[in-house]
PDB file of N, CA and C in Angstrom:
ATOM      1  N   MET A   1     103.351 207.661 150.638  1.00  0.00           N
ATOM      2  CA  MET A   1     103.486 208.574 151.726  1.00  0.00           C
ATOM      3  C   MET A   1     104.378 208.069 152.809  1.00  0.00           C
ATOM      4  N   GLU A   2     105.445 209.080 153.071  1.00  0.00           N
ATOM      5  CA  GLU A   2     106.449 208.740 154.186  1.00  0.00           C
ATOM      6  C   GLU A   2     105.650 208.815 155.532  1.00  0.00           C
ATOM      7  N   ARG A   3     106.308 207.993 156.378  1.00  0.00           N
ATOM      8  CA  ARG A   3     105.801 207.910 157.755  1.00  0.00           C
ATOM      9  C   ARG A   3     107.081 207.808 158.762  1.00  0.00           C
ATOM     10  N   LEU A   4     106.834 208.154 159.963  1.00  0.00           N
ATOM     11  CA  LEU A   4     107.950 207.969 160.889  1.00  0.00           C
ATOM     12  C   LEU A   4     108.033 206.599 161.503  1.00  0.00           C
ATOM     13  N   VAL A   5     109.235 206.205 161.528  1.00  0.00           N
ATOM     14  CA  VAL A   5     109.372 204.856 162.226  1.00  0.00           C
ATOM     15  C   VAL A   5     110.305 204.922 163.393  1.00  0.00           C
ATOM     16  N   ARG A   6     109.954 204.394 164.558  1.00  0.00           N
ATOM     17  CA  ARG A   6     110.809 204.458 165.659  1.00  0.00           C
ATOM     18  C   ARG A   6     111.021 202.967 166.041  1.00  0.00           C
ATOM     19  N   PHE A   7     112.441 202.807 166.545  1.00  0.00           N
ATOM     20  CA  PHE A   7     112.781 201.436 167.070  1.00  0.00           C
ATOM     21  C   PHE A   7     113.917 201.620 167.901  1.00  0.00           C
ATOM     22  N   GLU A   8     113.976 200.599 168.699  1.00  0.00           N
ATOM     23  CA  GLU A   8     115.043 200.554 169.703  1.00  0.00           C
ATOM     24  C   GLU A   8     116.041 199.345 169.496  1.00  0.00           C
ATOM     25  N   LEU A   9     117.376 199.739 169.494  1.00  0.00           N
ATOM     26  CA  LEU A   9     118.350 198.751 169.058  1.00  0.00           C
ATOM     27  C   LEU A   9     119.513 199.097 170.106  1.00  0.00           C
ATOM     28  N   MET A  10     119.947 198.012 170.864  1.00  0.00           N
ATOM     29  CA  MET A  10     121.171 198.042 171.834  1.00  0.00           C
ATOM     30  C   MET A  10     120.901 199.255 172.791  1.00  0.00           C
ATOM     31  N   GLY A  11     119.540 199.399 173.340  1.00  0.00           N
ATOM     32  CA  GLY A  11     119.220 200.311 174.267  1.00  0.00           C
ATOM     33  C   GLY A  11     119.082 201.715 173.864  1.00  0.00           C
ATOM     34  N   GLN A  12     119.215 201.939 172.543  1.00  0.00           N
ATOM     35  CA  GLN A  12     119.019 203.301 172.028  1.00  0.00           C
ATOM     36  C   GLN A  12     117.868 203.318 171.149  1.00  0.00           C
ATOM     37  N   GLU A  13     117.075 204.489 171.218  1.00  0.00           N
ATOM     38  CA  GLU A  13     116.020 204.808 170.230  1.00  0.00           C
ATOM     39  C   GLU A  13     116.444 205.360 168.998  1.00  0.00           C
ATOM     40  N   TYR A  14     115.997 204.945 167.818  1.00  0.00           N
ATOM     41  CA  TYR A  14     116.228 205.498 166.693  1.00  0.00           C
ATOM     42  C   TYR A  14     114.804 205.798 165.915  1.00  0.00           C
ATOM     43  N   THR A  15     114.902 206.913 164.913  1.00  0.00           N
ATOM     44  CA  THR A  15     113.787 207.158 164.228  1.00  0.00           C
ATOM     45  C   THR A  15     114.246 207.555 162.870  1.00  0.00           C
ATOM     46  N   PHE A  16     113.289 207.208 161.935  1.00  0.00           N
ATOM     47  CA  PHE A  16     113.611 207.726 160.468  1.00  0.00           C
ATOM     48  C   PHE A  16     112.401 207.737 159.699  1.00  0.00           C
ATOM     49  N   TYR A  17     112.341 208.397 158.712  1.00  0.00           N
ATOM     50  CA  TYR A  17     111.173 208.451 157.839  1.00  0.00           C
ATOM     51  C   TYR A  17     111.311 207.537 156.671  1.00  0.00           C
ATOM     52  N   THR A  18     110.322 206.840 156.154  1.00  0.00           N
ATOM     53  CA  THR A  18     110.374 205.893 155.184  1.00  0.00           C
ATOM     54  C   THR A  18     109.007 205.819 154.348  1.00  0.00           C
ATOM     55  N   GLY A  19     109.081 205.592 153.099  1.00  0.00           N
ATOM     56  CA  GLY A  19     107.821 205.284 152.303  1.00  0.00           C
ATOM     57  C   GLY A  19     107.754 203.856 152.088  1.00  0.00           C
ATOM     58  N   ALA A  20     108.508 203.032 152.574  1.00  0.00           N
ATOM     59  CA  ALA A  20     108.556 201.543 152.433  1.00  0.00           C
ATOM     60  C   ALA A  20     107.315 201.062 153.143  1.00  0.00           C
ATOM     61  N   PRO A  21     106.880 199.880 152.545  1.00  0.00           N
ATOM     62  CA  PRO A  21     105.750 199.234 153.137  1.00  0.00           C
ATOM     63  C   PRO A  21     106.093 198.719 154.665  1.00  0.00           C
ATOM     64  N   GLU A  22     105.069 198.460 155.413  1.00  0.00           N
ATOM     65  CA  GLU A  22     105.133 198.180 156.814  1.00  0.00           C
ATOM     66  C   GLU A  22     105.963 196.910 156.846  1.00  0.00           C
ATOM     67  N   SER A  23     105.578 195.918 156.144  1.00  0.00           N
ATOM     68  CA  SER A  23     106.125 194.620 156.029  1.00  0.00           C
ATOM     69  C   SER A  23     107.565 194.729 155.797  1.00  0.00           C
ATOM     70  N   GLU A  24     108.060 195.514 154.750  1.00  0.00           N
ATOM     71  CA  GLU A  24     109.513 195.519 154.474  1.00  0.00           C
ATOM     72  C   GLU A  24     110.232 196.231 155.606  1.00  0.00           C
ATOM     73  N   VAL A  25     109.698 197.329 156.189  1.00  0.00           N
ATOM     74  CA  VAL A  25     110.312 197.814 157.416  1.00  0.00           C
ATOM     75  C   VAL A  25     110.531 196.956 158.527  1.00  0.00           C
ATOM     76  N   SER A  26     109.436 196.022 158.654  1.00  0.00           N
ATOM     77  CA  SER A  26     109.542 195.189 159.876  1.00  0.00           C
ATOM     78  C   SER A  26     110.647 194.153 159.447  1.00  0.00           C
ATOM     79  N   ASP A  27     110.715 193.519 158.169  1.00  0.00           N
ATOM     80  CA  ASP A  27     111.828 192.706 157.756  1.00  0.00           C
ATOM     81  C   ASP A  27     113.130 193.207 158.006  1.00  0.00           C
ATOM     82  N   ILE A  28     113.358 194.603 157.654  1.00  0.00           N
ATOM     83  CA  ILE A  28     114.589 195.085 157.703  1.00  0.00           C
ATOM     84  C   ILE A  28     114.996 195.338 159.119  1.00  0.00           C
ATOM     85  N   LEU A  29     114.188 195.681 160.031  1.00  0.00           N
ATOM     86  CA  LEU A  29     114.498 195.827 161.431  1.00  0.00           C
ATOM     87  C   LEU A  29     114.805 194.525 162.031  1.00  0.00           C
ATOM     88  N   ASP A  30     114.105 193.581 161.634  1.00  0.00           N
ATOM     89  CA  ASP A  30     114.340 192.101 162.066  1.00  0.00           C
ATOM     90  C   ASP A  30     115.796 191.728 161.785  1.00  0.00           C
ATOM     91  N   LEU A  31     116.195 192.050 160.341  1.00  0.00           N
ATOM     92  CA  LEU A  31     117.412 191.619 159.954  1.00  0.00           C
ATOM     93  C   LEU A  31     118.535 192.259 160.689  1.00  0.00           C
ATOM     94  N   VAL A  32     118.320 193.640 160.850  1.00  0.00           N
ATOM     95  CA  VAL A  32     119.445 194.425 161.635  1.00  0.00           C
ATOM     96  C   VAL A  32     119.542 193.861 163.060  1.00  0.00           C
ATOM     97  N   SER A  33     118.386 193.715 163.707  1.00  0.00           N
ATOM     98  CA  SER A  33     118.411 193.171 165.109  1.00  0.00           C
ATOM     99  C   SER A  33     119.058 191.849 165.147  1.00  0.00           C
ATOM    100  N   GLU A  34     118.867 190.916 164.179  1.00  0.00           N
ATOM    101  CA  GLU A  34     119.409 189.670 164.186  1.00  0.00           C
ATOM    102  C   GLU A  34     121.003 189.753 163.995  1.00  0.00           C
ATOM    103  N   LEU A  35     121.403 190.672 163.018  1.00  0.00           N
ATOM    104  CA  LEU A  35     122.858 190.832 162.795  1.00  0.00           C
ATOM    105  C   LEU A  35     123.583 191.476 163.961  1.00  0.00           C
ATOM    106  N   VAL A  36     122.868 192.364 164.595  1.00  0.00           N
ATOM    107  CA  VAL A  36     123.562 192.967 165.884  1.00  0.00           C
ATOM    108  C   VAL A  36     123.734 191.855 166.870  1.00  0.00           C
ATOM    109  N   ALA A  37     122.642 191.009 167.002  1.00  0.00           N
ATOM    110  CA  ALA A  37     122.681 190.014 168.053  1.00  0.00           C
ATOM    111  C   ALA A  37     123.798 189.043 167.698  1.00  0.00           C
ATOM    112  N   GLU A  38     124.106 188.681 166.355  1.00  0.00           N
ATOM    113  CA  GLU A  38     125.213 187.857 165.909  1.00  0.00           C
ATOM    114  C   GLU A  38     126.466 188.366 166.222  1.00  0.00           C
ATOM    115  N   ASN A  39     126.562 189.732 166.086  1.00  0.00           N
ATOM    116  CA  ASN A  39     127.984 190.402 166.219  1.00  0.00           C
ATOM    117  C   ASN A  39     128.302 190.595 167.612  1.00  0.00           C
ATOM    118  N   ILE A  40     127.237 190.570 168.572  1.00  0.00           N
ATOM    119  CA  ILE A  40     127.702 190.918 169.869  1.00  0.00           C
ATOM    120  C   ILE A  40     127.780 189.597 170.808  1.00  0.00           C
ATOM    121  N   SER A  41     127.014 188.452 170.137  1.00  0.00           N
ATOM    122  CA  SER A  41     127.086 187.318 170.975  1.00  0.00           C
ATOM    123  C   SER A  41     128.512 186.593 171.038  1.00  0.00           C
ATOM    124  N   GLY A  42     128.735 186.162 172.259  1.00  0.00           N
ATOM    125  CA  GLY A  42     130.058 185.584 172.455  1.00  0.00           C
ATOM    126  C   GLY A  42     131.208 186.555 172.775  1.00  0.00           C
ATOM    127  N   ALA A  43     130.902 187.842 172.668  1.00  0.00           N
ATOM    128  CA  ALA A  43     132.034 188.881 173.001  1.00  0.00           C
ATOM    129  C   ALA A  43     132.013 189.062 174.519  1.00  0.00           C
ATOM    130  N   SER A  44     133.267 189.154 174.786  1.00  0.00           N
ATOM    131  CA  SER A  44     133.503 189.490 176.264  1.00  0.00           C
ATOM    132  C   SER A  44     133.499 190.884 176.499  1.00  0.00           C
ATOM    133  N   GLY A  45     132.804 191.431 177.592  1.00  0.00           N
ATOM    134  CA  GLY A  45     132.648 192.782 177.867  1.00  0.00           C
ATOM    135  C   GLY A  45     131.696 193.467 176.794  1.00  0.00           C
ATOM    136  N   ALA A  46     131.661 194.737 177.000  1.00  0.00           N
ATOM    137  CA  ALA A  46     130.866 195.591 176.136  1.00  0.00           C
ATOM    138  C   ALA A  46     131.482 195.991 174.918  1.00  0.00           C
ATOM    139  N   ILE A  47     130.962 195.849 173.813  1.00  0.00           N
ATOM    140  CA  ILE A  47     131.299 196.238 172.518  1.00  0.00           C
ATOM    141  C   ILE A  47     130.717 197.717 172.216  1.00  0.00           C
ATOM    142  N   PRO A  48     131.648 198.673 171.876  1.00  0.00           N
ATOM    143  CA  PRO A  48     130.983 199.895 171.571  1.00  0.00           C
ATOM    144  C   PRO A  48     129.951 199.804 170.357  1.00  0.00           C
ATOM    145  N   VAL A  49     129.013 200.561 170.355  1.00  0.00           N
ATOM    146  CA  VAL A  49     127.968 200.666 169.365  1.00  0.00           C
ATOM    147  C   VAL A  49     128.538 200.831 167.964  1.00  0.00           C
ATOM    148  N   SER A  50     129.643 201.748 167.965  1.00  0.00           N
ATOM    149  CA  SER A  50     130.215 202.005 166.558  1.00  0.00           C
ATOM    150  C   SER A  50     130.813 200.772 165.992  1.00  0.00           C
ATOM    151  N   LYS A  51     131.492 200.064 166.867  1.00  0.00           N
ATOM    152  CA  LYS A  51     132.113 198.743 166.283  1.00  0.00           C
ATOM    153  C   LYS A  51     131.058 197.714 165.919  1.00  0.00           C
ATOM    154  N   VAL A  52     129.945 197.616 166.572  1.00  0.00           N
ATOM    155  CA  VAL A  52     128.758 196.738 166.233  1.00  0.00           C
ATOM    156  C   VAL A  52     128.378 197.221 164.926  1.00  0.00           C
ATOM    157  N   ALA A  53     128.049 198.587 164.651  1.00  0.00           N
ATOM    158  CA  ALA A  53     127.639 199.148 163.576  1.00  0.00           C
ATOM    159  C   ALA A  53     128.537 198.848 162.317  1.00  0.00           C
ATOM    160  N   VAL A  54     129.889 198.954 162.499  1.00  0.00           N
ATOM    161  CA  VAL A  54     130.752 198.640 161.433  1.00  0.00           C
ATOM    162  C   VAL A  54     130.688 197.146 161.057  1.00  0.00           C
ATOM    163  N   LEU A  55     130.539 196.242 162.105  1.00  0.00           N
ATOM    164  CA  LEU A  55     130.536 194.735 161.881  1.00  0.00           C
ATOM    165  C   LEU A  55     129.140 194.340 161.038  1.00  0.00           C
ATOM    166  N   VAL A  56     128.148 195.024 161.489  1.00  0.00           N
ATOM    167  CA  VAL A  56     126.821 194.786 160.787  1.00  0.00           C
ATOM    168  C   VAL A  56     126.834 195.295 159.489  1.00  0.00           C
ATOM    169  N   SER A  57     127.488 196.429 159.212  1.00  0.00           N
ATOM    170  CA  SER A  57     127.599 197.093 157.920  1.00  0.00           C
ATOM    171  C   SER A  57     128.332 196.189 157.023  1.00  0.00           C
ATOM    172  N   LEU A  58     129.412 195.586 157.518  1.00  0.00           N
ATOM    173  CA  LEU A  58     130.308 194.569 156.730  1.00  0.00           C
ATOM    174  C   LEU A  58     129.411 193.271 156.282  1.00  0.00           C
ATOM    175  N   ASN A  59     128.726 193.027 157.429  1.00  0.00           N
ATOM    176  CA  ASN A  59     127.945 191.728 157.109  1.00  0.00           C
ATOM    177  C   ASN A  59     126.847 191.856 156.076  1.00  0.00           C
ATOM    178  N   ILE A  60     126.275 193.122 156.153  1.00  0.00           N
ATOM    179  CA  ILE A  60     125.218 193.482 155.046  1.00  0.00           C
ATOM    180  C   ILE A  60     125.949 193.538 153.716  1.00  0.00           C
ATOM    181  N   ALA A  61     127.052 194.173 153.711  1.00  0.00           N
ATOM    182  CA  ALA A  61     127.805 194.421 152.445  1.00  0.00           C
ATOM    183  C   ALA A  61     128.112 193.188 151.858  1.00  0.00           C
ATOM    184  N   SER A  62     128.609 192.192 152.655  1.00  0.00           N
ATOM    185  CA  SER A  62     128.941 190.799 152.237  1.00  0.00           C
ATOM    186  C   SER A  62     127.858 190.134 151.606  1.00  0.00           C
ATOM    187  N   ARG A  63     126.707 190.171 152.190  1.00  0.00           N
ATOM    188  CA  ARG A  63     125.552 189.469 151.788  1.00  0.00           C
ATOM    189  C   ARG A  63     125.124 190.150 150.410  1.00  0.00           C
ATOM    190  N   TYR A  64     125.111 191.552 150.325  1.00  0.00           N
ATOM    191  CA  TYR A  64     124.758 192.223 149.049  1.00  0.00           C
ATOM    192  C   TYR A  64     125.697 191.716 147.942  1.00  0.00           C
ATOM    193  N   PHE A  65     127.030 191.727 148.109  1.00  0.00           N
ATOM    194  CA  PHE A  65     127.929 191.254 146.929  1.00  0.00           C
ATOM    195  C   PHE A  65     127.743 189.877 146.703  1.00  0.00           C
ATOM    196  N   GLU A  66     127.306 188.964 147.607  1.00  0.00           N
ATOM    197  CA  GLU A  66     127.008 187.535 147.393  1.00  0.00           C
ATOM    198  C   GLU A  66     125.791 187.433 146.510  1.00  0.00           C
ATOM    199  N   LEU A  67     124.722 188.152 146.869  1.00  0.00           N
ATOM    200  CA  LEU A  67     123.403 188.235 146.026  1.00  0.00           C
ATOM    201  C   LEU A  67     123.785 188.833 144.691  1.00  0.00           C
ATOM    202  N   LYS A  68     124.610 189.887 144.577  1.00  0.00           N
ATOM    203  CA  LYS A  68     124.962 190.495 143.385  1.00  0.00           C
ATOM    204  C   LYS A  68     125.584 189.483 142.449  1.00  0.00           C
ATOM    205  N   SER A  69     126.573 188.697 143.010  1.00  0.00           N
ATOM    206  CA  SER A  69     127.200 187.842 142.244  1.00  0.00           C
ATOM    207  C   SER A  69     126.355 186.699 141.683  1.00  0.00           C
ATOM    208  N   GLN A  70     125.432 186.267 142.555  1.00  0.00           N
ATOM    209  CA  GLN A  70     124.326 185.279 142.214  1.00  0.00           C
ATOM    210  C   GLN A  70     123.542 185.801 141.035  1.00  0.00           C
ATOM    211  N   PHE A  71     123.124 187.027 141.140  1.00  0.00           N
ATOM    212  CA  PHE A  71     122.332 187.608 140.157  1.00  0.00           C
ATOM    213  C   PHE A  71     122.942 187.830 138.866  1.00  0.00           C
ATOM    214  N   ASP A  72     124.266 188.198 138.951  1.00  0.00           N
ATOM    215  CA  ASP A  72     124.978 188.380 137.710  1.00  0.00           C
ATOM    216  C   ASP A  72     125.195 187.092 137.059  1.00  0.00           C
ATOM    217  N   ARG A  73     125.499 185.990 137.735  1.00  0.00           N
ATOM    218  CA  ARG A  73     125.457 184.619 137.048  1.00  0.00           C
ATOM    219  C   ARG A  73     124.187 184.110 136.476  1.00  0.00           C
ATOM    220  N   TYR A  74     123.172 184.529 137.208  1.00  0.00           N
ATOM    221  CA  TYR A  74     121.742 184.254 136.691  1.00  0.00           C
ATOM    222  C   TYR A  74     121.504 185.016 135.467  1.00  0.00           C
ATOM    223  N   LYS A  75     121.809 186.355 135.373  1.00  0.00           N
ATOM    224  CA  LYS A  75     121.533 187.080 134.373  1.00  0.00           C
ATOM    225  C   LYS A  75     122.335 186.735 133.075  1.00  0.00           C
ATOM    226  N   ALA A  76     123.577 186.403 133.275  1.00  0.00           N
ATOM    227  CA  ALA A  76     124.508 185.861 132.208  1.00  0.00           C
ATOM    228  C   ALA A  76     123.912 184.538 131.720  1.00  0.00           C
ATOM    229  N   ASP A  77     123.694 183.581 132.731  1.00  0.00           N
ATOM    230  CA  ASP A  77     122.972 182.367 132.003  1.00  0.00           C
ATOM    231  C   ASP A  77     121.596 182.475 131.273  1.00  0.00           C
ATOM    232  N   SER A  78     120.749 183.298 131.834  1.00  0.00           N
ATOM    233  CA  SER A  78     119.656 183.711 131.142  1.00  0.00           C
ATOM    234  C   SER A  78     119.824 184.267 129.642  1.00  0.00           C
ATOM    235  N   GLU A  79     120.823 185.272 129.608  1.00  0.00           N
ATOM    236  CA  GLU A  79     121.159 185.820 128.387  1.00  0.00           C
ATOM    237  C   GLU A  79     121.602 184.645 127.356  1.00  0.00           C
ATOM    238  N   GLU A  80     122.439 183.892 127.985  1.00  0.00           N
ATOM    239  CA  GLU A  80     122.981 182.817 127.007  1.00  0.00           C
ATOM    240  C   GLU A  80     121.908 181.889 126.616  1.00  0.00           C
ATOM    241  N   ARG A  81     121.022 181.543 127.459  1.00  0.00           N
ATOM    242  CA  ARG A  81     119.725 180.624 127.026  1.00  0.00           C
ATOM    243  C   ARG A  81     118.923 181.346 126.049  1.00  0.00           C
ATOM    244  N   MET A  82     118.654 182.691 126.210  1.00  0.00           N
ATOM    245  CA  MET A  82     117.817 183.309 125.392  1.00  0.00           C
ATOM    246  C   MET A  82     118.542 183.277 123.913  1.00  0.00           C
ATOM    247  N   ALA A  83     119.885 183.584 123.849  1.00  0.00           N
ATOM    248  CA  ALA A  83     120.575 183.526 122.627  1.00  0.00           C
ATOM    249  C   ALA A  83     120.434 182.233 122.022  1.00  0.00           C
ATOM    250  N   CYS A  84     120.548 181.240 122.686  1.00  0.00           N
ATOM    251  CA  CYS A  84     120.404 179.823 122.166  1.00  0.00           C
ATOM    252  C   CYS A  84     119.002 179.560 121.538  1.00  0.00           C
ATOM    253  N   LEU A  85     118.018 180.071 122.355  1.00  0.00           N
ATOM    254  CA  LEU A  85     116.547 179.734 121.944  1.00  0.00           C
ATOM    255  C   LEU A  85     116.311 180.656 120.607  1.00  0.00           C
ATOM    256  N   THR A  86     116.803 181.896 120.626  1.00  0.00           N
ATOM    257  CA  THR A  86     116.719 182.752 119.493  1.00  0.00           C
ATOM    258  C   THR A  86     117.228 182.157 118.247  1.00  0.00           C
ATOM    259  N   LYS A  87     118.538 181.568 118.288  1.00  0.00           N
ATOM    260  CA  LYS A  87     119.139 180.967 117.140  1.00  0.00           C
ATOM    261  C   LYS A  87     118.284 179.665 116.764  1.00  0.00           C
ATOM    262  N   GLN A  88     117.831 178.953 117.657  1.00  0.00           N
ATOM    263  CA  GLN A  88     116.971 177.702 117.477  1.00  0.00           C
ATOM    264  C   GLN A  88     115.750 178.071 116.890  1.00  0.00           C
ATOM    265  N   ILE A  89     115.127 179.239 117.139  1.00  0.00           N
ATOM    266  CA  ILE A  89     113.724 179.723 116.558  1.00  0.00           C
ATOM    267  C   ILE A  89     114.127 180.067 115.164  1.00  0.00           C
ATOM    268  N   ALA A  90     115.184 180.864 114.993  1.00  0.00           N
ATOM    269  CA  ALA A  90     115.538 181.381 113.720  1.00  0.00           C
ATOM    270  C   ALA A  90     115.855 180.220 112.792  1.00  0.00           C
ATOM    271  N   SER A  91     116.511 179.201 113.204  1.00  0.00           N
ATOM    272  CA  SER A  91     116.853 177.956 112.354  1.00  0.00           C
ATOM    273  C   SER A  91     115.496 177.402 112.061  1.00  0.00           C
ATOM    274  N   ASP A  92     114.661 176.944 113.007  1.00  0.00           N
ATOM    275  CA  ASP A  92     113.345 176.390 112.761  1.00  0.00           C
ATOM    276  C   ASP A  92     112.668 177.129 111.699  1.00  0.00           C
ATOM    277  N   LEU A  93     112.595 178.479 111.893  1.00  0.00           N
ATOM    278  CA  LEU A  93     111.785 179.144 110.822  1.00  0.00           C
ATOM    279  C   LEU A  93     112.209 179.234 109.570  1.00  0.00           C
ATOM    280  N   SER A  94     113.605 179.145 109.336  1.00  0.00           N
ATOM    281  CA  SER A  94     114.179 179.261 108.104  1.00  0.00           C
ATOM    282  C   SER A  94     114.109 177.729 107.516  1.00  0.00           C
ATOM    283  N   LEU A  95     114.198 176.682 108.288  1.00  0.00           N
ATOM    284  CA  LEU A  95     113.760 175.212 107.753  1.00  0.00           C
ATOM    285  C   LEU A  95     112.221 175.386 107.212  1.00  0.00           C
ATOM    286  N   GLU A  96     111.402 175.889 107.995  1.00  0.00           N
ATOM    287  CA  GLU A  96     109.995 175.970 107.530  1.00  0.00           C
ATOM    288  C   GLU A  96     109.860 176.620 106.305  1.00  0.00           C
ATOM    289  N   LYS A  97     110.495 177.852 106.136  1.00  0.00           N
ATOM    290  CA  LYS A  97     110.468 178.664 104.940  1.00  0.00           C
ATOM    291  C   LYS A  97     111.028 177.845 103.755  1.00  0.00           C
ATOM    292  N   GLY A  98     111.995 177.142 103.871  1.00  0.00           N
ATOM    293  CA  GLY A  98     112.594 176.258 102.941  1.00  0.00           C
ATOM    294  C   GLY A  98     111.652 175.111 102.526  1.00  0.00           C
ATOM    295  N   GLU A  99     110.979 174.588 103.409  1.00  0.00           N
ATOM    296  CA  GLU A  99     109.911 173.570 103.013  1.00  0.00           C
ATOM    297  C   GLU A  99     108.835 174.259 102.254  1.00  0.00           C
ATOM    298  N   ASP A 100     108.484 175.483 102.565  1.00  0.00           N
ATOM    299  CA  ASP A 100     107.265 175.937 101.932  1.00  0.00           C
ATOM    300  C   ASP A 100     107.718 176.452 100.583  1.00  0.00           C
ATOM    301  N   GLY A 101     108.964 176.735 100.464  1.00  0.00           N
ATOM    302  CA  GLY A 101     109.412 177.464  99.179  1.00  0.00           C
ATOM    303  C   GLY A 101     109.660 176.598  98.074  1.00  0.00           C
TER     304      GLY A 101
END
């Protein structure tokens, strides 16, 4: 069931509908707030909201591709291990059949 979520960021109120669990929405909003704070800290003067949004988007995209790369390596490693285990099991089974025969 979708619900309306309201939050404030950089002095502006935003609303959106989501079916995501409350804890997930809270984690997402916390991450966005953290990234906004990181991208405006140490800046001299006011940074336009659009520039902060682009910087945060780039940061999220960077994290996404880092996680995707890690997952791809994990997946390839897992597939390689499964192939080795499959060969080992097949070899062990053929040895057992040879001993029984």
